[in-house]
Structure formats: structure tokens, C-alpha cells
Amino acid sequence: MRLISSPAVCNNAGMLQVCPNGARTKADDDGIPVTSGELAVAVRNAVAAGARDAHLHPRDDAGAETLEPGPVTRAVTAVRAAAPGIPVGVTTAAWAEPDPHRRAALVRSWPVPPDHASVNWHEEGAELVAQALLERGVGIEAGIFSGTDAAERFLAWPQADRVLRVLAEVVDTDPESATATARDLLHRLRPATRPVLLHGEEGGAWPVLRLARELGLDTRIGLEDTLLLPDGSPAPGNADLVRAALEIGR
């Protein structure tokens, strides 16, 4: 297990995960993968570019985010076929299913479970969903949003040492302050004993990714987090974002 230490430059960059779609739709960008087939192509291309893990937001036939077993199975199965050997994760966000008891029940109903799933610890019922994932043998990404009490709630959970990793999520989108927000979040998570994946979003995506690369932490990039390359130009696709991320700190 890797302890979170105080910030120091590390020459060994961590794992890079691709997050190809998130809550975005094609109204945000034509390149957002929505169907299981589109997700499969996006992850395959991102893996060819250097990604080593995938985080998906499965959709139903109408394009809405869902935790229902059919769409989750289709997405996970398609991505595994397109990128063999790559761990595949999904979201369990409350906006996909607000009732935490139903979220946990849906996790238990998945006929083809993913390798891991994120649980947002500031959301009501996070512990219920996490327990269902543990029962299924699914790795947990403990989502800890900056600006919330999620870090304290997670660290107080008796099974915090059983998660796959801590997903330190910096929701500060100001490129001038996102790095400082990230450092503060890491400081609050110092008692954690699981690996950390640190990432930002929108204007904070690239500054926080640079910090993660400097510290040797796992990180992620994809159209979920930003539609722009580091120079501010539109990203043609997820694979382009992955290539740009791998250049940082190389």
C-alpha cells in the first residue's frame, strides 16, 4: 500500500486512466462516446495512445446515464473486447440513480460486474453502495471531491483500507487556484493508506494533471474532464488527450 506523503517531486509517473465521456453529451462535443460501441472505439484508441485503465458512464437507449444492468453490461463487455486486459470501471453517481438503496441494489444486480466503480463519498448512501461493491468483489474508487466533507467521511469509514484507490477529484476549475486546491485535498487525505488518483476538470484539468505527474500519482484525462488540449485548442478525441497527458513530465 502506498501512503500519501507531503508533496515532493517524483520521477516515476503513475498510471494514466482515460475517462471518455462522463456526464457530457454530443451537444457538448460531437466526439463524446455515448453508445457501447462508441465507448469501445474510444477506449481502444486511448489505450493505443497509452492509457492503462478506463472509467465509463454507461447510457441507456435514450442516451441518459444509468446503472441498470443491461447498459452497464453492454458497455463493460464492449470495452473489454476492444481493449483486452485493461481494467474497466463505471460510475455509481447519484445523478444516475438518486436513491442510494436502489443504487446498491443495482450494483448487486449487475450480471457482468466491472473491475472497479467510483463512489462519490459526499453523496448520501455512499457507504451502502460501497458495501454492495465489496460484496460483488468490485474494486472501489473512493471519489473525494474538493470543497466537501468527503475526505473526513471516507477516512471515518471502518473499511476505508479496502478500497482499490482514492479518487481525489479537484472541482476547482480556475487554472490559477486548482493546484493549490489539489494540494490541500491531498493534505486532508494524508491518513489514507490506499493509492491516490488525482485529477481536475475543465480549467483545472491540466494544472492538476501536471501536479499529479510531478508527484508520481495516478491520474486521468478524457473528454469527461476537459474538451481542450493543454494549448487551449479543441481536443479531436480522447486519444489526443491521452497523448498530450503522457507528454507532460516526460
C-alpha atoms as a PDB file:
ATOM      1  CA  MET A   1       0.000   0.000   0.000  1.00  0.00           C
ATOM      2  CA  ARG A   2       1.211   3.497  -0.847  1.00  0.00           C
ATOM      3  CA  LEU A   3       0.972   6.144   1.835  1.00  0.00           C
ATOM      4  CA  ILE A   4       0.203   9.715   0.793  1.00  0.00           C
ATOM      5  CA  SER A   5       3.173  11.830   1.776  1.00  0.00           C
ATOM      6  CA  SER A   6       3.695  15.550   1.686  1.00  0.00           C
ATOM      7  CA  PRO A   7       4.143  16.877  -1.872  1.00  0.00           C
ATOM      8  CA  ALA A   8       7.527  16.128  -3.390  1.00  0.00           C
ATOM      9  CA  VAL A   9       8.622  15.720  -6.985  1.00  0.00           C
ATOM     10  CA  CYS A  10       8.696  12.099  -8.130  1.00  0.00           C
ATOM     11  CA  ASN A  11      10.325  10.893 -11.341  1.00  0.00           C
ATOM     12  CA  ASN A  12       8.053   7.860 -11.633  1.00  0.00           C
ATOM     13  CA  ALA A  13       4.763   8.881 -13.217  1.00  0.00           C
ATOM     14  CA  GLY A  14       1.716   6.952 -12.108  1.00  0.00           C
ATOM     15  CA  MET A  15      -0.923   5.142 -14.129  1.00  0.00           C
ATOM     16  CA  LEU A  16      -2.978   7.130 -16.637  1.00  0.00           C
ATOM     17  CA  GLN A  17      -6.712   6.397 -16.804  1.00  0.00           C
ATOM     18  CA  VAL A  18      -8.980   7.545 -19.636  1.00  0.00           C
ATOM     19  CA  CYS A  19     -12.431   8.969 -18.787  1.00  0.00           C
ATOM     20  CA  PRO A  20     -14.025   9.153 -22.241  1.00  0.00           C
ATOM     21  CA  ASN A  21     -17.496  10.566 -21.638  1.00  0.00           C
ATOM     22  CA  GLY A  22     -18.707  11.407 -18.126  1.00  0.00           C
ATOM     23  CA  ALA A  23     -21.948  13.359 -17.973  1.00  0.00           C
ATOM     24  CA  ARG A  24     -21.318  15.084 -21.291  1.00  0.00           C
ATOM     25  CA  THR A  25     -23.440  14.527 -24.390  1.00  0.00           C
ATOM     26  CA  LYS A  26     -22.945  15.090 -28.082  1.00  0.00           C
ATOM     27  CA  ALA A  27     -24.463  18.528 -27.537  1.00  0.00           C
ATOM     28  CA  ASP A  28     -21.212  19.345 -25.727  1.00  0.00           C
ATOM     29  CA  ASP A  29     -18.968  17.784 -28.381  1.00  0.00           C
ATOM     30  CA  ASP A  30     -19.668  15.515 -31.343  1.00  0.00           C
ATOM     31  CA  GLY A  31     -16.799  13.293 -30.244  1.00  0.00           C
ATOM     32  CA  ILE A  32     -18.372  12.264 -26.921  1.00  0.00           C
ATOM     33  CA  PRO A  33     -18.840   8.464 -26.981  1.00  0.00           C
ATOM     34  CA  VAL A  34     -22.328   7.509 -25.857  1.00  0.00           C
ATOM     35  CA  THR A  35     -23.162   4.021 -27.124  1.00  0.00           C
ATOM     36  CA  SER A  36     -21.280   0.919 -26.023  1.00  0.00           C
ATOM     37  CA  GLY A  37     -19.753   0.685 -29.497  1.00  0.00           C
ATOM     38  CA  GLU A  38     -18.539   4.268 -29.363  1.00  0.00           C
ATOM     39  CA  LEU A  39     -17.095   3.706 -25.895  1.00  0.00           C
ATOM     40  CA  ALA A  40     -15.272   0.619 -27.138  1.00  0.00           C
ATOM     41  CA  VAL A  41     -13.643   2.516 -30.007  1.00  0.00           C
ATOM     42  CA  ALA A  42     -12.744   5.462 -27.778  1.00  0.00           C
ATOM     43  CA  VAL A  43     -11.100   3.276 -25.131  1.00  0.00           C
ATOM     44  CA  ARG A  44      -9.302   1.129 -27.723  1.00  0.00           C
ATOM     45  CA  ASN A  45      -7.794   4.250 -29.285  1.00  0.00           C
ATOM     46  CA  ALA A  46      -6.926   5.738 -25.897  1.00  0.00           C
ATOM     47  CA  VAL A  47      -5.186   2.516 -24.859  1.00  0.00           C
ATOM     48  CA  ALA A  48      -3.220   2.537 -28.109  1.00  0.00           C
ATOM     49  CA  ALA A  49      -2.152   6.074 -27.154  1.00  0.00           C
ATOM     50  CA  GLY A  50      -1.005   4.937 -23.695  1.00  0.00           C
ATOM     51  CA  ALA A  51      -3.969   4.809 -21.287  1.00  0.00           C
ATOM     52  CA  ARG A  52      -3.926   1.872 -18.891  1.00  0.00           C
ATOM     53  CA  ASP A  53      -7.373   1.993 -17.294  1.00  0.00           C
ATOM     54  CA  ALA A  54     -10.860   3.208 -18.242  1.00  0.00           C
ATOM     55  CA  HIS A  55     -13.683   4.925 -16.359  1.00  0.00           C
ATOM     56  CA  LEU A  56     -17.069   4.844 -18.128  1.00  0.00           C
ATOM     57  CA  HIS A  57     -20.514   6.401 -17.744  1.00  0.00           C
ATOM     58  CA  PRO A  58     -22.874   3.863 -19.378  1.00  0.00           C
ATOM     59  CA  ARG A  59     -26.014   5.170 -21.131  1.00  0.00           C
ATOM     60  CA  ASP A  60     -29.459   3.803 -21.825  1.00  0.00           C
ATOM     61  CA  ASP A  61     -31.059   3.763 -25.279  1.00  0.00           C
ATOM     62  CA  ALA A  62     -32.163   7.379 -24.838  1.00  0.00           C
ATOM     63  CA  GLY A  63     -28.605   8.469 -24.019  1.00  0.00           C
ATOM     64  CA  ALA A  64     -29.207   9.061 -20.301  1.00  0.00           C
ATOM     65  CA  GLU A  65     -26.705   7.901 -17.685  1.00  0.00           C
ATOM     66  CA  THR A  66     -27.814   4.733 -15.954  1.00  0.00           C
ATOM     67  CA  LEU A  67     -26.723   1.998 -13.560  1.00  0.00           C
ATOM     68  CA  GLU A  68     -29.222  -0.507 -14.955  1.00  0.00           C
ATOM     69  CA  PRO A  69     -27.662  -3.938 -15.598  1.00  0.00           C
ATOM     70  CA  GLY A  70     -28.298  -4.019 -19.356  1.00  0.00           C
ATOM     71  CA  PRO A  71     -26.446  -0.842 -20.335  1.00  0.00           C
ATOM     72  CA  VAL A  72     -23.667  -1.473 -17.800  1.00  0.00           C
ATOM     73  CA  THR A  73     -23.146  -4.987 -19.148  1.00  0.00           C
ATOM     74  CA  ARG A  74     -23.110  -3.812 -22.765  1.00  0.00           C
ATOM     75  CA  ALA A  75     -20.609  -1.043 -22.072  1.00  0.00           C
ATOM     76  CA  VAL A  76     -18.245  -3.151 -19.960  1.00  0.00           C
ATOM     77  CA  THR A  77     -18.379  -6.120 -22.341  1.00  0.00           C
ATOM     78  CA  ALA A  78     -17.773  -3.990 -25.430  1.00  0.00           C
ATOM     79  CA  VAL A  79     -14.823  -2.161 -23.910  1.00  0.00           C
ATOM     80  CA  ARG A  80     -13.234  -5.359 -22.613  1.00  0.00           C
ATOM     81  CA  ALA A  81     -13.482  -6.883 -26.087  1.00  0.00           C
ATOM     82  CA  ALA A  82     -11.941  -3.811 -27.687  1.00  0.00           C
ATOM     83  CA  ALA A  83      -9.160  -3.369 -25.101  1.00  0.00           C
ATOM     84  CA  PRO A  84      -8.328  -6.790 -23.622  1.00  0.00           C
ATOM     85  CA  GLY A  85      -6.560  -6.729 -20.266  1.00  0.00           C
ATOM     86  CA  ILE A  86      -7.426  -3.124 -19.476  1.00  0.00           C
ATOM     87  CA  PRO A  87      -9.326  -2.638 -16.188  1.00  0.00           C
ATOM     88  CA  VAL A  88     -12.760  -1.169 -16.854  1.00  0.00           C
ATOM     89  CA  GLY A  89     -14.670   0.891 -14.311  1.00  0.00           C
ATOM     90  CA  VAL A  90     -18.034   2.638 -14.187  1.00  0.00           C
ATOM     91  CA  THR A  91     -19.636   5.404 -12.181  1.00  0.00           C
ATOM     92  CA  THR A  92     -22.220   4.948  -9.422  1.00  0.00           C
ATOM     93  CA  ALA A  93     -23.007   8.677  -9.220  1.00  0.00           C
ATOM     94  CA  ALA A  94     -26.230   9.739  -7.518  1.00  0.00           C
ATOM     95  CA  TRP A  95     -27.315  11.734 -10.558  1.00  0.00           C
ATOM     96  CA  ALA A  96     -27.676   8.413 -12.421  1.00  0.00           C
ATOM     97  CA  GLU A  97     -29.833   6.986  -9.602  1.00  0.00           C
ATOM     98  CA  PRO A  98     -30.699   9.295  -6.671  1.00  0.00           C
ATOM     99  CA  ASP A  99     -31.942   6.587  -4.261  1.00  0.00           C
ATOM    100  CA  PRO A 100     -28.886   5.070  -2.519  1.00  0.00           C
ATOM    101  CA  HIS A 101     -30.728   1.848  -1.659  1.00  0.00           C
ATOM    102  CA  ARG A 102     -31.630   1.383  -5.313  1.00  0.00           C
ATOM    103  CA  ARG A 103     -28.053   2.215  -6.349  1.00  0.00           C
ATOM    104  CA  ALA A 104     -26.809  -0.566  -4.080  1.00  0.00           C
ATOM    105  CA  ALA A 105     -29.469  -2.948  -5.406  1.00  0.00           C
ATOM    106  CA  LEU A 106     -28.468  -2.188  -8.986  1.00  0.00           C
ATOM    107  CA  VAL A 107     -24.826  -2.933  -8.170  1.00  0.00           C
ATOM    108  CA  ARG A 108     -25.887  -6.307  -6.807  1.00  0.00           C
ATOM    109  CA  SER A 109     -27.898  -6.977  -9.992  1.00  0.00           C
ATOM    110  CA  TRP A 110     -25.041  -6.492 -12.477  1.00  0.00           C
ATOM    111  CA  PRO A 111     -24.562  -9.843 -14.289  1.00  0.00           C
ATOM    112  CA  VAL A 112     -21.209  -8.687 -15.653  1.00  0.00           C
ATOM    113  CA  PRO A 113     -19.553  -6.552 -12.974  1.00  0.00           C
ATOM    114  CA  PRO A 114     -16.849  -4.066 -13.931  1.00  0.00           C
ATOM    115  CA  ASP A 115     -13.354  -4.259 -12.494  1.00  0.00           C
ATOM    116  CA  HIS A 116     -13.985  -1.162 -10.390  1.00  0.00           C
ATOM    117  CA  ALA A 117     -16.575   1.524  -9.771  1.00  0.00           C
ATOM    118  CA  SER A 118     -16.372   5.041  -8.399  1.00  0.00           C
ATOM    119  CA  VAL A 119     -18.382   6.027  -5.313  1.00  0.00           C
ATOM    120  CA  ASN A 120     -18.736   9.738  -4.570  1.00  0.00           C
ATOM    121  CA  TRP A 121     -18.253   9.951  -0.835  1.00  0.00           C
ATOM    122  CA  HIS A 122     -20.100  13.248  -0.376  1.00  0.00           C
ATOM    123  CA  GLU A 123     -23.299  11.638  -1.682  1.00  0.00           C
ATOM    124  CA  GLU A 124     -25.942  10.180   0.598  1.00  0.00           C
ATOM    125  CA  GLY A 125     -25.598   6.424   0.979  1.00  0.00           C
ATOM    126  CA  ALA A 126     -22.003   6.175  -0.277  1.00  0.00           C
ATOM    127  CA  GLU A 127     -21.260   3.514   2.329  1.00  0.00           C
ATOM    128  CA  LEU A 128     -24.255   1.421   1.214  1.00  0.00           C
ATOM    129  CA  VAL A 129     -23.086   1.446  -2.400  1.00  0.00           C
ATOM    130  CA  ALA A 130     -19.500   0.716  -1.392  1.00  0.00           C
ATOM    131  CA  GLN A 131     -20.591  -2.263   0.691  1.00  0.00           C
ATOM    132  CA  ALA A 132     -22.521  -3.668  -2.273  1.00  0.00           C
ATOM    133  CA  LEU A 133     -19.403  -3.335  -4.421  1.00  0.00           C
ATOM    134  CA  LEU A 134     -17.284  -5.119  -1.817  1.00  0.00           C
ATOM    135  CA  GLU A 135     -19.820  -7.956  -1.751  1.00  0.00           C
ATOM    136  CA  ARG A 136     -19.539  -8.270  -5.540  1.00  0.00           C
ATOM    137  CA  GLY A 137     -15.743  -8.204  -5.488  1.00  0.00           C
ATOM    138  CA  VAL A 138     -15.674  -4.947  -7.463  1.00  0.00           C
ATOM    139  CA  GLY A 139     -12.838  -2.545  -6.699  1.00  0.00           C
ATOM    140  CA  ILE A 140     -13.887   0.803  -5.256  1.00  0.00           C
ATOM    141  CA  GLU A 141     -12.609   4.174  -6.407  1.00  0.00           C
ATOM    142  CA  ALA A 142     -13.495   6.365  -3.417  1.00  0.00           C
ATOM    143  CA  GLY A 143     -14.403   9.691  -5.007  1.00  0.00           C
ATOM    144  CA  ILE A 144     -13.344  12.546  -2.731  1.00  0.00           C
ATOM    145  CA  PHE A 145     -14.439  15.923  -4.112  1.00  0.00           C
ATOM    146  CA  SER A 146     -12.641  19.072  -3.043  1.00  0.00           C
ATOM    147  CA  GLY A 147     -14.846  21.567  -1.229  1.00  0.00           C
ATOM    148  CA  THR A 148     -16.877  18.833   0.509  1.00  0.00           C
ATOM    149  CA  ASP A 149     -16.655  16.820   3.723  1.00  0.00           C
ATOM    150  CA  ALA A 150     -15.987  13.652   1.705  1.00  0.00           C
ATOM    151  CA  ALA A 151     -12.409  13.205   2.951  1.00  0.00           C
ATOM    152  CA  GLU A 152     -13.472  13.152   6.590  1.00  0.00           C
ATOM    153  CA  ARG A 153     -16.449  10.882   5.884  1.00  0.00           C
ATOM    154  CA  PHE A 154     -14.292   8.444   3.946  1.00  0.00           C
ATOM    155  CA  LEU A 155     -11.492   8.310   6.498  1.00  0.00           C
ATOM    156  CA  ALA A 156     -14.052   7.600   9.230  1.00  0.00           C
ATOM    157  CA  TRP A 157     -15.438   4.601   7.308  1.00  0.00           C
ATOM    158  CA  PRO A 158     -14.180   1.407   9.017  1.00  0.00           C
ATOM    159  CA  GLN A 159     -13.404  -0.247   5.659  1.00  0.00           C
ATOM    160  CA  ALA A 160     -11.505   2.628   4.081  1.00  0.00           C
ATOM    161  CA  ASP A 161      -8.426   0.446   3.732  1.00  0.00           C
ATOM    162  CA  ARG A 162     -10.308  -1.970   1.447  1.00  0.00           C
ATOM    163  CA  VAL A 163     -10.838   0.381  -1.492  1.00  0.00           C
ATOM    164  CA  LEU A 164      -8.870  -0.027  -4.700  1.00  0.00           C
ATOM    165  CA  ARG A 165      -7.823   3.601  -4.754  1.00  0.00           C
ATOM    166  CA  VAL A 166      -8.772   7.080  -3.612  1.00  0.00           C
ATOM    167  CA  LEU A 167     -10.066   9.259  -6.437  1.00  0.00           C
ATOM    168  CA  ALA A 168      -9.044  12.779  -5.399  1.00  0.00           C
ATOM    169  CA  GLU A 169     -11.292  14.987  -7.528  1.00  0.00           C
ATOM    170  CA  VAL A 170     -10.491  18.694  -7.742  1.00  0.00           C
ATOM    171  CA  VAL A 171     -13.651  20.535  -8.758  1.00  0.00           C
ATOM    172  CA  ASP A 172     -11.948  23.944  -8.655  1.00  0.00           C
ATOM    173  CA  THR A 173     -11.967  24.893 -12.350  1.00  0.00           C
ATOM    174  CA  ASP A 174      -9.832  28.031 -12.000  1.00  0.00           C
ATOM    175  CA  PRO A 175      -6.401  27.273 -13.513  1.00  0.00           C
ATOM    176  CA  GLU A 176      -4.827  29.793 -11.150  1.00  0.00           C
ATOM    177  CA  SER A 177      -6.052  28.136  -7.948  1.00  0.00           C
ATOM    178  CA  ALA A 178      -6.726  24.482  -8.876  1.00  0.00           C
ATOM    179  CA  THR A 179      -3.207  23.314  -7.994  1.00  0.00           C
ATOM    180  CA  ALA A 180      -3.398  24.831  -4.510  1.00  0.00           C
ATOM    181  CA  THR A 181      -6.823  23.250  -4.054  1.00  0.00           C
ATOM    182  CA  ALA A 182      -5.339  19.902  -5.095  1.00  0.00           C
ATOM    183  CA  ARG A 183      -2.507  20.195  -2.588  1.00  0.00           C
ATOM    184  CA  ASP A 184      -4.986  20.999   0.166  1.00  0.00           C
ATOM    185  CA  LEU A 185      -7.095  17.963  -0.757  1.00  0.00           C
ATOM    186  CA  LEU A 186      -4.042  15.705  -0.713  1.00  0.00           C
ATOM    187  CA  HIS A 187      -3.116  17.070   2.702  1.00  0.00           C
ATOM    188  CA  ARG A 188      -6.589  16.237   4.036  1.00  0.00           C
ATOM    189  CA  LEU A 189      -6.204  12.700   2.661  1.00  0.00           C
ATOM    190  CA  ARG A 190      -2.791  12.045   4.196  1.00  0.00           C
ATOM    191  CA  PRO A 191      -4.116   9.454   6.697  1.00  0.00           C
ATOM    192  CA  ALA A 192      -5.373   7.307   3.799  1.00  0.00           C
ATOM    193  CA  THR A 193      -3.354   4.174   3.034  1.00  0.00           C
ATOM    194  CA  ARG A 194      -4.579   3.421  -0.488  1.00  0.00           C
ATOM    195  CA  PRO A 195      -3.154   4.644  -3.810  1.00  0.00           C
ATOM    196  CA  VAL A 196      -4.393   8.031  -4.999  1.00  0.00           C
ATOM    197  CA  LEU A 197      -5.597   9.034  -8.437  1.00  0.00           C
ATOM    198  CA  LEU A 198      -5.561  12.836  -8.611  1.00  0.00           C
ATOM    199  CA  HIS A 199      -7.382  14.748 -11.336  1.00  0.00           C
ATOM    200  CA  GLY A 200      -9.046  18.064 -12.116  1.00  0.00           C
ATOM    201  CA  GLU A 201     -11.694  19.253 -14.520  1.00  0.00           C
ATOM    202  CA  GLU A 202     -12.295  21.991 -17.079  1.00  0.00           C
ATOM    203  CA  GLY A 203      -9.796  24.822 -16.491  1.00  0.00           C
ATOM    204  CA  GLY A 204      -8.195  22.907 -13.646  1.00  0.00           C
ATOM    205  CA  ALA A 205      -7.695  19.665 -15.580  1.00  0.00           C
ATOM    206  CA  TRP A 206      -4.220  20.314 -16.955  1.00  0.00           C
ATOM    207  CA  PRO A 207      -2.717  22.141 -13.918  1.00  0.00           C
ATOM    208  CA  VAL A 208      -3.862  19.308 -11.622  1.00  0.00           C
ATOM    209  CA  LEU A 209      -2.646  16.637 -14.039  1.00  0.00           C
ATOM    210  CA  ARG A 210       0.778  18.304 -14.091  1.00  0.00           C
ATOM    211  CA  LEU A 211       0.857  18.176 -10.282  1.00  0.00           C
ATOM    212  CA  ALA A 212      -0.119  14.508 -10.300  1.00  0.00           C
ATOM    213  CA  ARG A 213       2.660  13.735 -12.777  1.00  0.00           C
ATOM    214  CA  GLU A 214       5.180  15.651 -10.641  1.00  0.00           C
ATOM    215  CA  LEU A 215       4.156  13.714  -7.541  1.00  0.00           C
ATOM    216  CA  GLY A 216       4.136  10.335  -9.274  1.00  0.00           C
ATOM    217  CA  LEU A 217       0.434   9.833  -8.574  1.00  0.00           C
ATOM    218  CA  ASP A 218      -2.054   8.060 -10.785  1.00  0.00           C
ATOM    219  CA  THR A 219      -4.134  10.498 -12.816  1.00  0.00           C
ATOM    220  CA  ARG A 220      -6.691  10.579 -15.584  1.00  0.00           C
ATOM    221  CA  ILE A 221      -7.724  12.552 -18.652  1.00  0.00           C
ATOM    222  CA  GLY A 222     -10.514  12.386 -21.188  1.00  0.00           C
ATOM    223  CA  LEU A 223     -13.442  14.278 -22.607  1.00  0.00           C
ATOM    224  CA  GLU A 224     -15.238  13.869 -19.275  1.00  0.00           C
ATOM    225  CA  ASP A 225     -12.736  16.218 -17.665  1.00  0.00           C
ATOM    226  CA  THR A 226     -11.827  18.604 -20.485  1.00  0.00           C
ATOM    227  CA  LEU A 227     -12.581  19.275 -24.138  1.00  0.00           C
ATOM    228  CA  LEU A 228      -9.327  21.148 -24.626  1.00  0.00           C
ATOM    229  CA  LEU A 229      -5.680  20.263 -25.185  1.00  0.00           C
ATOM    230  CA  PRO A 230      -3.041  21.941 -22.986  1.00  0.00           C
ATOM    231  CA  ASP A 231      -2.603  24.752 -25.542  1.00  0.00           C
ATOM    232  CA  GLY A 232      -6.315  25.576 -25.334  1.00  0.00           C
ATOM    233  CA  SER A 233      -7.246  24.143 -28.724  1.00  0.00           C
ATOM    234  CA  PRO A 234     -10.183  21.716 -29.046  1.00  0.00           C
ATOM    235  CA  ALA A 235      -9.231  18.081 -28.492  1.00  0.00           C
ATOM    236  CA  PRO A 236     -10.106  15.931 -31.525  1.00  0.00           C
ATOM    237  CA  GLY A 237     -10.721  12.959 -29.234  1.00  0.00           C
ATOM    238  CA  ASN A 238      -9.817  11.062 -26.096  1.00  0.00           C
ATOM    239  CA  ALA A 239      -6.681   9.532 -27.610  1.00  0.00           C
ATOM    240  CA  ASP A 240      -5.305  13.009 -28.326  1.00  0.00           C
ATOM    241  CA  LEU A 241      -5.836  13.996 -24.693  1.00  0.00           C
ATOM    242  CA  VAL A 242      -4.039  10.841 -23.550  1.00  0.00           C
ATOM    243  CA  ARG A 243      -1.063  11.550 -25.803  1.00  0.00           C
ATOM    244  CA  ALA A 244      -0.855  15.121 -24.512  1.00  0.00           C
ATOM    245  CA  ALA A 245      -1.041  13.937 -20.898  1.00  0.00           C
ATOM    246  CA  LEU A 246       1.806  11.480 -21.392  1.00  0.00           C
ATOM    247  CA  GLU A 247       3.991  14.229 -22.812  1.00  0.00           C
ATOM    248  CA  ILE A 248       3.652  16.208 -19.585  1.00  0.00           C
ATOM    249  CA  GLY A 249       6.557  15.464 -17.317  1.00  0.00           C
ATOM    250  CA  ARG A 250       8.157  13.091 -19.826  1.00  0.00           C
END
